[in-house]
PDB file of N, CA and C in Angstrom:
ATOM      1  N   UNK A   1       1.641 -13.201 -15.795  1.00  0.00           N
ATOM      2  CA  UNK A   1       1.701 -11.862 -15.763  1.00  0.00           C
ATOM      3  C   UNK A   1       1.575 -11.317 -14.372  1.00  0.00           C
ATOM      4  N   UNK A   2       2.254 -10.296 -13.887  1.00  0.00           N
ATOM      5  CA  UNK A   2       2.041  -9.831 -12.278  1.00  0.00           C
ATOM      6  C   UNK A   2       0.853  -9.097 -12.443  1.00  0.00           C
ATOM      7  N   UNK A   3       0.148  -9.114 -11.271  1.00  0.00           N
ATOM      8  CA  UNK A   3      -1.143  -8.371 -11.064  1.00  0.00           C
ATOM      9  C   UNK A   3      -0.720  -7.013 -10.426  1.00  0.00           C
ATOM     10  N   UNK A   4      -1.300  -5.850 -10.908  1.00  0.00           N
ATOM     11  CA  UNK A   4      -0.825  -4.643 -10.340  1.00  0.00           C
ATOM     12  C   UNK A   4      -2.163  -3.904 -10.281  1.00  0.00           C
ATOM     13  N   UNK A   5      -2.259  -3.235  -8.935  1.00  0.00           N
ATOM     14  CA  UNK A   5      -3.631  -2.292  -8.863  1.00  0.00           C
ATOM     15  C   UNK A   5      -3.023  -0.930  -8.573  1.00  0.00           C
ATOM     16  N   UNK A   6      -3.630   0.333  -8.976  1.00  0.00           N
ATOM     17  CA  UNK A   6      -3.195   1.573  -8.700  1.00  0.00           C
ATOM     18  C   UNK A   6      -4.486   2.532  -8.108  1.00  0.00           C
ATOM     19  N   UNK A   7      -4.189   2.860  -6.978  1.00  0.00           N
ATOM     20  CA  UNK A   7      -5.221   3.927  -6.547  1.00  0.00           C
ATOM     21  C   UNK A   7      -4.636   5.147  -6.245  1.00  0.00           C
ATOM     22  N   UNK A   8      -4.742   6.210  -6.779  1.00  0.00           N
ATOM     23  CA  UNK A   8      -4.046   7.400  -6.485  1.00  0.00           C
ATOM     24  C   UNK A   8      -2.472   7.280  -6.206  1.00  0.00           C
ATOM     25  N   UNK A   9      -1.871   7.432  -5.363  1.00  0.00           N
ATOM     26  CA  UNK A   9      -0.411   7.321  -5.202  1.00  0.00           C
ATOM     27  C   UNK A   9       0.103   6.007  -4.521  1.00  0.00           C
ATOM     28  N   UNK A  10      -0.895   5.154  -4.475  1.00  0.00           N
ATOM     29  CA  UNK A  10      -0.596   3.775  -4.210  1.00  0.00           C
ATOM     30  C   UNK A  10      -0.669   2.615  -5.170  1.00  0.00           C
ATOM     31  N   UNK A  11       0.505   1.679  -5.332  1.00  0.00           N
ATOM     32  CA  UNK A  11       0.425   0.820  -6.283  1.00  0.00           C
ATOM     33  C   UNK A  11       0.677  -0.581  -5.421  1.00  0.00           C
ATOM     34  N   UNK A  12      -0.209  -1.608  -5.747  1.00  0.00           N
ATOM     35  CA  UNK A  12      -0.015  -2.883  -5.286  1.00  0.00           C
ATOM     36  C   UNK A  12       0.456  -3.752  -6.393  1.00  0.00           C
ATOM     37  N   UNK A  13       1.721  -4.414  -6.052  1.00  0.00           N
ATOM     38  CA  UNK A  13       2.232  -5.195  -7.163  1.00  0.00           C
ATOM     39  C   UNK A  13       2.285  -6.638  -6.564  1.00  0.00           C
ATOM     40  N   UNK A  14       1.870  -7.523  -7.176  1.00  0.00           N
ATOM     41  CA  UNK A  14       1.737  -8.921  -6.658  1.00  0.00           C
ATOM     42  C   UNK A  14       3.222  -9.546  -6.514  1.00  0.00           C
ATOM     43  N   UNK A  15       3.310 -10.221  -5.492  1.00  0.00           N
ATOM     44  CA  UNK A  15       4.597 -10.947  -5.291  1.00  0.00           C
ATOM     45  C   UNK A  15       4.257 -12.501  -4.872  1.00  0.00           C
ATOM     46  N   UNK A  16       5.185 -13.251  -4.884  1.00  0.00           N
ATOM     47  CA  UNK A  16       4.997 -14.495  -4.482  1.00  0.00           C
ATOM     48  C   UNK A  16       4.816 -14.939  -3.095  1.00  0.00           C
ATOM     49  N   UNK A  17       5.627 -14.307  -2.173  1.00  0.00           N
ATOM     50  CA  UNK A  17       5.628 -14.508  -0.827  1.00  0.00           C
ATOM     51  C   UNK A  17       6.005 -13.350   0.070  1.00  0.00           C
ATOM     52  N   UNK A  18       5.466 -13.115   1.033  1.00  0.00           N
ATOM     53  CA  UNK A  18       5.827 -12.003   2.062  1.00  0.00           C
ATOM     54  C   UNK A  18       7.017 -12.246   2.596  1.00  0.00           C
ATOM     55  N   UNK A  19       8.106 -11.242   2.622  1.00  0.00           N
ATOM     56  CA  UNK A  19       9.416 -11.441   3.374  1.00  0.00           C
ATOM     57  C   UNK A  19       9.026 -11.926   4.598  1.00  0.00           C
ATOM     58  N   UNK A  20      10.146 -12.825   5.057  1.00  0.00           N
ATOM     59  CA  UNK A  20      10.356 -13.017   6.570  1.00  0.00           C
ATOM     60  C   UNK A  20      10.629 -11.906   7.398  1.00  0.00           C
ATOM     61  N   UNK A  21      10.254 -11.760   8.652  1.00  0.00           N
ATOM     62  CA  UNK A  21      10.555 -10.597   9.560  1.00  0.00           C
ATOM     63  C   UNK A  21       9.397  -9.743   9.578  1.00  0.00           C
ATOM     64  N   UNK A  22       8.334  -9.615   8.768  1.00  0.00           N
ATOM     65  CA  UNK A  22       7.292  -8.679   8.900  1.00  0.00           C
ATOM     66  C   UNK A  22       6.555  -8.766  10.096  1.00  0.00           C
ATOM     67  N   UNK A  23       5.832  -7.564  10.475  1.00  0.00           N
ATOM     68  CA  UNK A  23       4.945  -7.588  11.592  1.00  0.00           C
ATOM     69  C   UNK A  23       3.619  -7.107  11.018  1.00  0.00           C
ATOM     70  N   UNK A  24       2.473  -7.928  11.480  1.00  0.00           N
ATOM     71  CA  UNK A  24       1.130  -7.435  11.221  1.00  0.00           C
ATOM     72  C   UNK A  24       0.766  -6.104  11.761  1.00  0.00           C
ATOM     73  N   UNK A  25      -0.054  -5.444  10.903  1.00  0.00           N
ATOM     74  CA  UNK A  25      -0.412  -4.191  11.523  1.00  0.00           C
ATOM     75  C   UNK A  25      -1.841  -4.400  12.181  1.00  0.00           C
ATOM     76  N   UNK A  26      -2.028  -3.477  13.181  1.00  0.00           N
ATOM     77  CA  UNK A  26      -3.397  -3.766  14.091  1.00  0.00           C
ATOM     78  C   UNK A  26      -4.422  -2.906  13.309  1.00  0.00           C
ATOM     79  N   UNK A  27      -4.265  -2.397  12.002  1.00  0.00           N
ATOM     80  CA  UNK A  27      -5.391  -1.709  11.578  1.00  0.00           C
ATOM     81  C   UNK A  27      -5.464  -1.897  10.092  1.00  0.00           C
ATOM     82  N   UNK A  28      -6.389  -1.317   9.321  1.00  0.00           N
ATOM     83  CA  UNK A  28      -6.565  -1.648   7.749  1.00  0.00           C
ATOM     84  C   UNK A  28      -6.075  -0.427   6.981  1.00  0.00           C
ATOM     85  N   UNK A  29      -5.479   0.428   7.583  1.00  0.00           N
ATOM     86  CA  UNK A  29      -5.015   1.838   6.809  1.00  0.00           C
ATOM     87  C   UNK A  29      -3.483   1.548   6.213  1.00  0.00           C
ATOM     88  N   UNK A  30      -3.616   1.603   4.783  1.00  0.00           N
ATOM     89  CA  UNK A  30      -2.368   1.756   4.088  1.00  0.00           C
ATOM     90  C   UNK A  30      -1.628   3.079   4.144  1.00  0.00           C
ATOM     91  N   UNK A  31      -2.336   4.107   3.855  1.00  0.00           N
ATOM     92  CA  UNK A  31      -1.703   5.398   3.873  1.00  0.00           C
ATOM     93  C   UNK A  31      -2.766   6.334   4.186  1.00  0.00           C
ATOM     94  N   UNK A  32      -2.602   7.311   5.217  1.00  0.00           N
ATOM     95  CA  UNK A  32      -3.566   8.440   5.418  1.00  0.00           C
ATOM     96  C   UNK A  32      -3.236   9.549   4.815  1.00  0.00           C
ATOM     97  N   UNK A  33      -4.085  10.457   4.146  1.00  0.00           N
ATOM     98  CA  UNK A  33      -3.730  11.755   3.403  1.00  0.00           C
ATOM     99  C   UNK A  33      -3.411  12.785   4.439  1.00  0.00           C
ATOM    100  N   UNK A  34      -2.331  13.640   4.335  1.00  0.00           N
ATOM    101  CA  UNK A  34      -1.968  14.574   5.424  1.00  0.00           C
ATOM    102  C   UNK A  34      -2.973  15.726   5.278  1.00  0.00           C
ATOM    103  N   UNK A  35      -3.410  15.996   3.971  1.00  0.00           N
ATOM    104  CA  UNK A  35      -4.283  17.352   3.744  1.00  0.00           C
ATOM    105  C   UNK A  35      -5.685  17.016   4.307  1.00  0.00           C
ATOM    106  N   UNK A  36      -6.284  15.771   3.827  1.00  0.00           N
ATOM    107  CA  UNK A  36      -7.753  15.547   3.884  1.00  0.00           C
ATOM    108  C   UNK A  36      -7.829  14.618   5.134  1.00  0.00           C
ATOM    109  N   UNK A  37      -6.900  13.774   5.549  1.00  0.00           N
ATOM    110  CA  UNK A  37      -7.090  12.942   6.561  1.00  0.00           C
ATOM    111  C   UNK A  37      -7.867  11.628   5.997  1.00  0.00           C
ATOM    112  N   UNK A  38      -8.098  11.568   4.670  1.00  0.00           N
ATOM    113  CA  UNK A  38      -8.661  10.384   3.905  1.00  0.00           C
ATOM    114  C   UNK A  38      -7.812   9.320   3.980  1.00  0.00           C
ATOM    115  N   UNK A  39      -8.277   8.118   3.734  1.00  0.00           N
ATOM    116  CA  UNK A  39      -7.223   6.858   3.927  1.00  0.00           C
ATOM    117  C   UNK A  39      -7.423   5.897   2.966  1.00  0.00           C
ATOM    118  N   UNK A  40      -6.271   5.503   2.331  1.00  0.00           N
ATOM    119  CA  UNK A  40      -6.184   4.192   1.485  1.00  0.00           C
ATOM    120  C   UNK A  40      -6.326   3.091   2.479  1.00  0.00           C
ATOM    121  N   UNK A  41      -7.286   2.372   2.220  1.00  0.00           N
ATOM    122  CA  UNK A  41      -7.686   1.027   3.194  1.00  0.00           C
ATOM    123  C   UNK A  41      -7.790  -0.123   2.429  1.00  0.00           C
ATOM    124  N   UNK A  42      -7.322  -1.342   2.981  1.00  0.00           N
ATOM    125  CA  UNK A  42      -7.501  -2.699   2.508  1.00  0.00           C
ATOM    126  C   UNK A  42      -8.756  -3.369   3.366  1.00  0.00           C
ATOM    127  N   UNK A  43      -9.836  -3.856   2.715  1.00  0.00           N
ATOM    128  CA  UNK A  43     -10.806  -4.725   3.223  1.00  0.00           C
ATOM    129  C   UNK A  43     -10.676  -6.112   3.033  1.00  0.00           C
ATOM    130  N   UNK A  44     -10.826  -7.048   4.083  1.00  0.00           N
ATOM    131  CA  UNK A  44     -10.634  -8.312   3.796  1.00  0.00           C
ATOM    132  C   UNK A  44      -8.992  -8.650   3.410  1.00  0.00           C
ATOM    133  N   UNK A  45      -8.238  -8.102   3.981  1.00  0.00           N
ATOM    134  CA  UNK A  45      -6.756  -8.133   3.784  1.00  0.00           C
ATOM    135  C   UNK A  45      -6.061  -7.774   5.074  1.00  0.00           C
ATOM    136  N   UNK A  46      -4.779  -8.294   5.176  1.00  0.00           N
ATOM    137  CA  UNK A  46      -3.869  -7.925   6.449  1.00  0.00           C
ATOM    138  C   UNK A  46      -2.717  -7.298   5.859  1.00  0.00           C
ATOM    139  N   UNK A  47      -2.307  -6.121   6.508  1.00  0.00           N
ATOM    140  CA  UNK A  47      -1.192  -5.120   6.308  1.00  0.00           C
ATOM    141  C   UNK A  47      -0.140  -5.745   6.945  1.00  0.00           C
ATOM    142  N   UNK A  48       1.119  -5.914   6.394  1.00  0.00           N
ATOM    143  CA  UNK A  48       2.356  -6.206   7.051  1.00  0.00           C
ATOM    144  C   UNK A  48       3.292  -5.239   7.033  1.00  0.00           C
ATOM    145  N   UNK A  49       4.195  -4.917   7.825  1.00  0.00           N
ATOM    146  CA  UNK A  49       5.271  -3.964   7.872  1.00  0.00           C
ATOM    147  C   UNK A  49       6.607  -4.550   8.090  1.00  0.00           C
ATOM    148  N   UNK A  50       7.717  -4.045   7.398  1.00  0.00           N
ATOM    149  CA  UNK A  50       8.938  -4.436   7.756  1.00  0.00           C
ATOM    150  C   UNK A  50       9.841  -3.087   7.854  1.00  0.00           C
ATOM    151  N   UNK A  51      10.524  -2.953   9.033  1.00  0.00           N
ATOM    152  CA  UNK A  51      11.560  -1.835   9.111  1.00  0.00           C
ATOM    153  C   UNK A  51      12.683  -2.173   8.422  1.00  0.00           C
ATOM    154  N   UNK A  52      13.301  -1.233   7.772  1.00  0.00           N
ATOM    155  CA  UNK A  52      14.626  -1.385   7.244  1.00  0.00           C
ATOM    156  C   UNK A  52      15.458  -0.156   7.527  1.00  0.00           C
ATOM    157  N   UNK A  53      16.675  -0.110   7.182  1.00  0.00           N
ATOM    158  CA  UNK A  53      17.502   0.944   7.460  1.00  0.00           C
ATOM    159  C   UNK A  53      17.310   2.109   6.859  1.00  0.00           C
ATOM    160  N   UNK A  54      16.564   2.025   5.768  1.00  0.00           N
ATOM    161  CA  UNK A  54      16.080   3.066   4.858  1.00  0.00           C
ATOM    162  C   UNK A  54      14.627   3.669   4.983  1.00  0.00           C
ATOM    163  N   UNK A  55      14.027   2.728   5.340  1.00  0.00           N
ATOM    164  CA  UNK A  55      12.423   3.111   5.338  1.00  0.00           C
ATOM    165  C   UNK A  55      11.578   1.935   5.956  1.00  0.00           C
ATOM    166  N   UNK A  56      10.418   2.022   5.897  1.00  0.00           N
ATOM    167  CA  UNK A  56       9.365   1.082   6.284  1.00  0.00           C
ATOM    168  C   UNK A  56       8.770   0.365   5.103  1.00  0.00           C
ATOM    169  N   UNK A  57       8.837  -0.807   4.827  1.00  0.00           N
ATOM    170  CA  UNK A  57       8.281  -1.458   3.722  1.00  0.00           C
ATOM    171  C   UNK A  57       6.878  -2.152   4.014  1.00  0.00           C
ATOM    172  N   UNK A  58       5.873  -2.171   3.158  1.00  0.00           N
ATOM    173  CA  UNK A  58       4.546  -2.619   3.548  1.00  0.00           C
ATOM    174  C   UNK A  58       4.125  -3.725   2.551  1.00  0.00           C
ATOM    175  N   UNK A  59       3.564  -4.602   2.978  1.00  0.00           N
ATOM    176  CA  UNK A  59       2.999  -5.725   2.242  1.00  0.00           C
ATOM    177  C   UNK A  59       1.627  -5.914   2.685  1.00  0.00           C
ATOM    178  N   UNK A  60       0.710  -6.585   1.743  1.00  0.00           N
ATOM    179  CA  UNK A  60      -0.577  -7.058   2.001  1.00  0.00           C
ATOM    180  C   UNK A  60      -0.965  -8.531   1.742  1.00  0.00           C
ATOM    181  N   UNK A  61      -1.431  -9.057   2.527  1.00  0.00           N
ATOM    182  CA  UNK A  61      -2.188 -10.440   1.943  1.00  0.00           C
ATOM    183  C   UNK A  61      -3.451 -10.381   1.848  1.00  0.00           C
ATOM    184  N   UNK A  62      -4.127 -10.387   0.584  1.00  0.00           N
ATOM    185  CA  UNK A  62      -5.335  -9.985   0.358  1.00  0.00           C
ATOM    186  C   UNK A  62      -6.198 -11.273   0.275  1.00  0.00           C
ATOM    187  N   UNK A  63      -7.208 -11.334   1.021  1.00  0.00           N
ATOM    188  CA  UNK A  63      -8.083 -12.413   1.196  1.00  0.00           C
ATOM    189  C   UNK A  63      -9.161 -12.443   0.109  1.00  0.00           C
ATOM    190  N   UNK A  64      -9.937 -13.563  -0.140  1.00  0.00           N
ATOM    191  CA  UNK A  64     -11.011 -13.365  -1.150  1.00  0.00           C
ATOM    192  C   UNK A  64     -11.895 -12.302  -0.779  1.00  0.00           C
ATOM    193  N   UNK A  65     -12.398 -11.710  -2.078  1.00  0.00           N
ATOM    194  CA  UNK A  65     -13.202 -10.515  -1.835  1.00  0.00           C
ATOM    195  C   UNK A  65     -12.504  -9.149  -1.280  1.00  0.00           C
ATOM    196  N   UNK A  66     -11.247  -9.281  -1.409  1.00  0.00           N
ATOM    197  CA  UNK A  66     -10.438  -8.033  -0.780  1.00  0.00           C
ATOM    198  C   UNK A  66     -10.711  -6.790  -1.568  1.00  0.00           C
ATOM    199  N   UNK A  67     -10.735  -5.708  -0.938  1.00  0.00           N
ATOM    200  CA  UNK A  67     -10.880  -4.349  -1.876  1.00  0.00           C
ATOM    201  C   UNK A  67      -9.911  -3.333  -1.321  1.00  0.00           C
ATOM    202  N   UNK A  68      -9.472  -2.484  -2.090  1.00  0.00           N
ATOM    203  CA  UNK A  68      -8.798  -1.171  -1.770  1.00  0.00           C
ATOM    204  C   UNK A  68      -9.779  -0.026  -1.852  1.00  0.00           C
ATOM    205  N   UNK A  69      -9.909   0.595  -1.062  1.00  0.00           N
ATOM    206  CA  UNK A  69     -11.047   1.730  -0.869  1.00  0.00           C
ATOM    207  C   UNK A  69     -10.437   2.951  -0.273  1.00  0.00           C
ATOM    208  N   UNK A  70     -10.953   4.143  -0.916  1.00  0.00           N
ATOM    209  CA  UNK A  70     -10.623   5.436  -0.404  1.00  0.00           C
ATOM    210  C   UNK A  70     -11.771   6.332  -0.686  1.00  0.00           C
ATOM    211  N   UNK A  71     -11.724   7.358   0.103  1.00  0.00           N
ATOM    212  CA  UNK A  71     -12.981   8.236   0.007  1.00  0.00           C
ATOM    213  C   UNK A  71     -13.169   9.000  -1.320  1.00  0.00           C
ATOM    214  N   UNK A  72     -11.850   9.277  -2.023  1.00  0.00           N
ATOM    215  CA  UNK A  72     -11.920  10.068  -3.365  1.00  0.00           C
ATOM    216  C   UNK A  72     -11.693   9.462  -4.484  1.00  0.00           C
ATOM    217  N   UNK A  73     -11.653   7.825  -4.292  1.00  0.00           N
ATOM    218  CA  UNK A  73     -11.349   7.121  -5.575  1.00  0.00           C
ATOM    219  C   UNK A  73     -12.342   6.046  -5.621  1.00  0.00           C
ATOM    220  N   UNK A  74     -12.416   5.410  -6.928  1.00  0.00           N
ATOM    221  CA  UNK A  74     -13.270   4.276  -6.870  1.00  0.00           C
ATOM    222  C   UNK A  74     -12.819   3.037  -6.250  1.00  0.00           C
ATOM    223  N   UNK A  75     -13.569   2.203  -5.617  1.00  0.00           N
ATOM    224  CA  UNK A  75     -13.182   1.081  -4.874  1.00  0.00           C
ATOM    225  C   UNK A  75     -12.602   0.008  -5.962  1.00  0.00           C
ATOM    226  N   UNK A  76     -11.452  -0.631  -5.668  1.00  0.00           N
ATOM    227  CA  UNK A  76     -10.887  -1.520  -6.660  1.00  0.00           C
ATOM    228  C   UNK A  76     -11.012  -2.938  -5.931  1.00  0.00           C
ATOM    229  N   UNK A  77     -11.543  -4.014  -6.683  1.00  0.00           N
ATOM    230  CA  UNK A  77     -11.466  -5.351  -6.103  1.00  0.00           C
ATOM    231  C   UNK A  77     -10.035  -5.965  -6.407  1.00  0.00           C
ATOM    232  N   UNK A  78      -9.549  -6.624  -5.348  1.00  0.00           N
ATOM    233  CA  UNK A  78      -8.115  -7.005  -5.277  1.00  0.00           C
ATOM    234  C   UNK A  78      -8.120  -8.496  -5.217  1.00  0.00           C
ATOM    235  N   UNK A  79      -7.539  -9.196  -6.139  1.00  0.00           N
ATOM    236  CA  UNK A  79      -7.567 -10.782  -6.261  1.00  0.00           C
ATOM    237  C   UNK A  79      -6.588 -11.173  -5.025  1.00  0.00           C
ATOM    238  N   UNK A  80      -7.244 -12.342  -4.376  1.00  0.00           N
ATOM    239  CA  UNK A  80      -6.538 -12.896  -3.354  1.00  0.00           C
ATOM    240  C   UNK A  80      -5.003 -13.225  -3.606  1.00  0.00           C
ATOM    241  N   UNK A  81      -4.167 -12.882  -2.734  1.00  0.00           N
ATOM    242  CA  UNK A  81      -2.673 -13.082  -2.837  1.00  0.00           C
ATOM    243  C   UNK A  81      -1.859 -12.164  -2.139  1.00  0.00           C
ATOM    244  N   UNK A  82      -0.544 -12.095  -2.318  1.00  0.00           N
ATOM    245  CA  UNK A  82       0.338 -11.287  -1.740  1.00  0.00           C
ATOM    246  C   UNK A  82       0.805 -10.067  -2.554  1.00  0.00           C
ATOM    247  N   UNK A  83       0.857  -9.023  -1.881  1.00  0.00           N
ATOM    248  CA  UNK A  83       1.272  -7.649  -2.821  1.00  0.00           C
ATOM    249  C   UNK A  83       2.212  -6.863  -1.943  1.00  0.00           C
ATOM    250  N   UNK A  84       3.101  -6.184  -2.645  1.00  0.00           N
ATOM    251  CA  UNK A  84       3.995  -5.330  -2.214  1.00  0.00           C
ATOM    252  C   UNK A  84       3.309  -3.931  -2.193  1.00  0.00           C
ATOM    253  N   UNK A  85       3.382  -2.984  -1.313  1.00  0.00           N
ATOM    254  CA  UNK A  85       2.942  -1.719  -1.347  1.00  0.00           C
ATOM    255  C   UNK A  85       3.969  -0.672  -1.794  1.00  0.00           C
ATOM    256  N   UNK A  86       3.708  -0.109  -3.086  1.00  0.00           N
ATOM    257  CA  UNK A  86       4.619   0.823  -3.505  1.00  0.00           C
ATOM    258  C   UNK A  86       4.157   2.090  -3.547  1.00  0.00           C
ATOM    259  N   UNK A  87       4.726   3.230  -3.015  1.00  0.00           N
ATOM    260  CA  UNK A  87       4.235   4.710  -2.884  1.00  0.00           C
ATOM    261  C   UNK A  87       4.876   5.340  -4.133  1.00  0.00           C
ATOM    262  N   UNK A  88       3.960   6.258  -4.670  1.00  0.00           N
ATOM    263  CA  UNK A  88       4.406   7.074  -5.749  1.00  0.00           C
ATOM    264  C   UNK A  88       5.471   8.081  -5.301  1.00  0.00           C
ATOM    265  N   UNK A  89       6.653   8.268  -6.068  1.00  0.00           N
ATOM    266  CA  UNK A  89       7.684   9.312  -5.669  1.00  0.00           C
ATOM    267  C   UNK A  89       7.563  10.451  -6.519  1.00  0.00           C
ATOM    268  N   UNK A  90       8.094  11.617  -6.170  1.00  0.00           N
ATOM    269  CA  UNK A  90       8.192  12.686  -7.030  1.00  0.00           C
ATOM    270  C   UNK A  90       9.537  13.405  -6.705  1.00  0.00           C
ATOM    271  N   UNK A  91      10.045  14.087  -7.841  1.00  0.00           N
ATOM    272  CA  UNK A  91      11.162  14.850  -7.843  1.00  0.00           C
ATOM    273  C   UNK A  91      11.271  16.071  -7.017  1.00  0.00           C
ATOM    274  N   UNK A  92      11.962  16.264  -6.162  1.00  0.00           N
ATOM    275  CA  UNK A  92      12.088  17.737  -5.434  1.00  0.00           C
ATOM    276  C   UNK A  92      13.520  18.103  -5.663  1.00  0.00           C
ATOM    277  N   UNK A  93      13.997  19.021  -6.273  1.00  0.00           N
ATOM    278  CA  UNK A  93      15.335  19.521  -6.393  1.00  0.00           C
ATOM    279  C   UNK A  93      16.160  19.756  -5.022  1.00  0.00           C
ATOM    280  N   UNK A  94      15.377  19.962  -4.013  1.00  0.00           N
ATOM    281  CA  UNK A  94      16.217  20.177  -2.841  1.00  0.00           C
ATOM    282  C   UNK A  94      16.499  18.627  -2.168  1.00  0.00           C
ATOM    283  N   UNK A  95      15.402  17.810  -2.133  1.00  0.00           N
ATOM    284  CA  UNK A  95      15.585  16.403  -1.642  1.00  0.00           C
ATOM    285  C   UNK A  95      15.758  15.539  -2.571  1.00  0.00           C
ATOM    286  N   UNK A  96      15.919  15.664  -3.833  1.00  0.00           N
ATOM    287  CA  UNK A  96      16.039  14.863  -4.960  1.00  0.00           C
ATOM    288  C   UNK A  96      14.849  13.855  -5.232  1.00  0.00           C
ATOM    289  N   UNK A  97      14.386  13.239  -4.153  1.00  0.00           N
ATOM    290  CA  UNK A  97      13.210  12.440  -4.405  1.00  0.00           C
ATOM    291  C   UNK A  97      12.373  12.351  -3.150  1.00  0.00           C
ATOM    292  N   UNK A  98      11.169  12.291  -3.278  1.00  0.00           N
ATOM    293  CA  UNK A  98      10.399  12.237  -1.793  1.00  0.00           C
ATOM    294  C   UNK A  98       9.078  11.466  -2.257  1.00  0.00           C
ATOM    295  N   UNK A  99       8.494  11.051  -1.165  1.00  0.00           N
ATOM    296  CA  UNK A  99       7.232  10.324  -1.334  1.00  0.00           C
ATOM    297  C   UNK A  99       6.244  11.135  -1.585  1.00  0.00           C
ATOM    298  N   UNK A 100       5.044  10.816  -2.426  1.00  0.00           N
ATOM    299  CA  UNK A 100       3.866  11.882  -2.782  1.00  0.00           C
ATOM    300  C   UNK A 100       3.204  11.935  -1.347  1.00  0.00           C
ATOM    301  N   UNK A 101       2.532  12.972  -1.193  1.00  0.00           N
ATOM    302  CA  UNK A 101       1.553  13.111   0.072  1.00  0.00           C
ATOM    303  C   UNK A 101       0.268  13.574  -0.532  1.00  0.00           C
ATOM    304  N   UNK A 102      -0.888  12.831  -0.143  1.00  0.00           N
ATOM    305  CA  UNK A 102      -2.233  13.333  -0.382  1.00  0.00           C
ATOM    306  C   UNK A 102      -2.492  14.646   0.064  1.00  0.00           C
TER     307      UNK A 102
END
């Protein structure tokens, strides 16, 4: 069974390996809220990004005792492994679909 963790508009979905060509991030912020400035962050993990022609894909390598934290949500313990970061989308009649913003 695939492990998944949801915190607000962020979903971590377990994957077998992180794709080639990713670049490690220099911080622990997955997503910063535009309205509040609060951030979804990974503790004891590394964030990787991959630029595509459509968007920026994000992946996480969670180490033992990794945690997903945010000021307005409960902390979630994340098992060690590799995860794809999926952002929640919402329908907008003008744009058809867009990413949800905190």
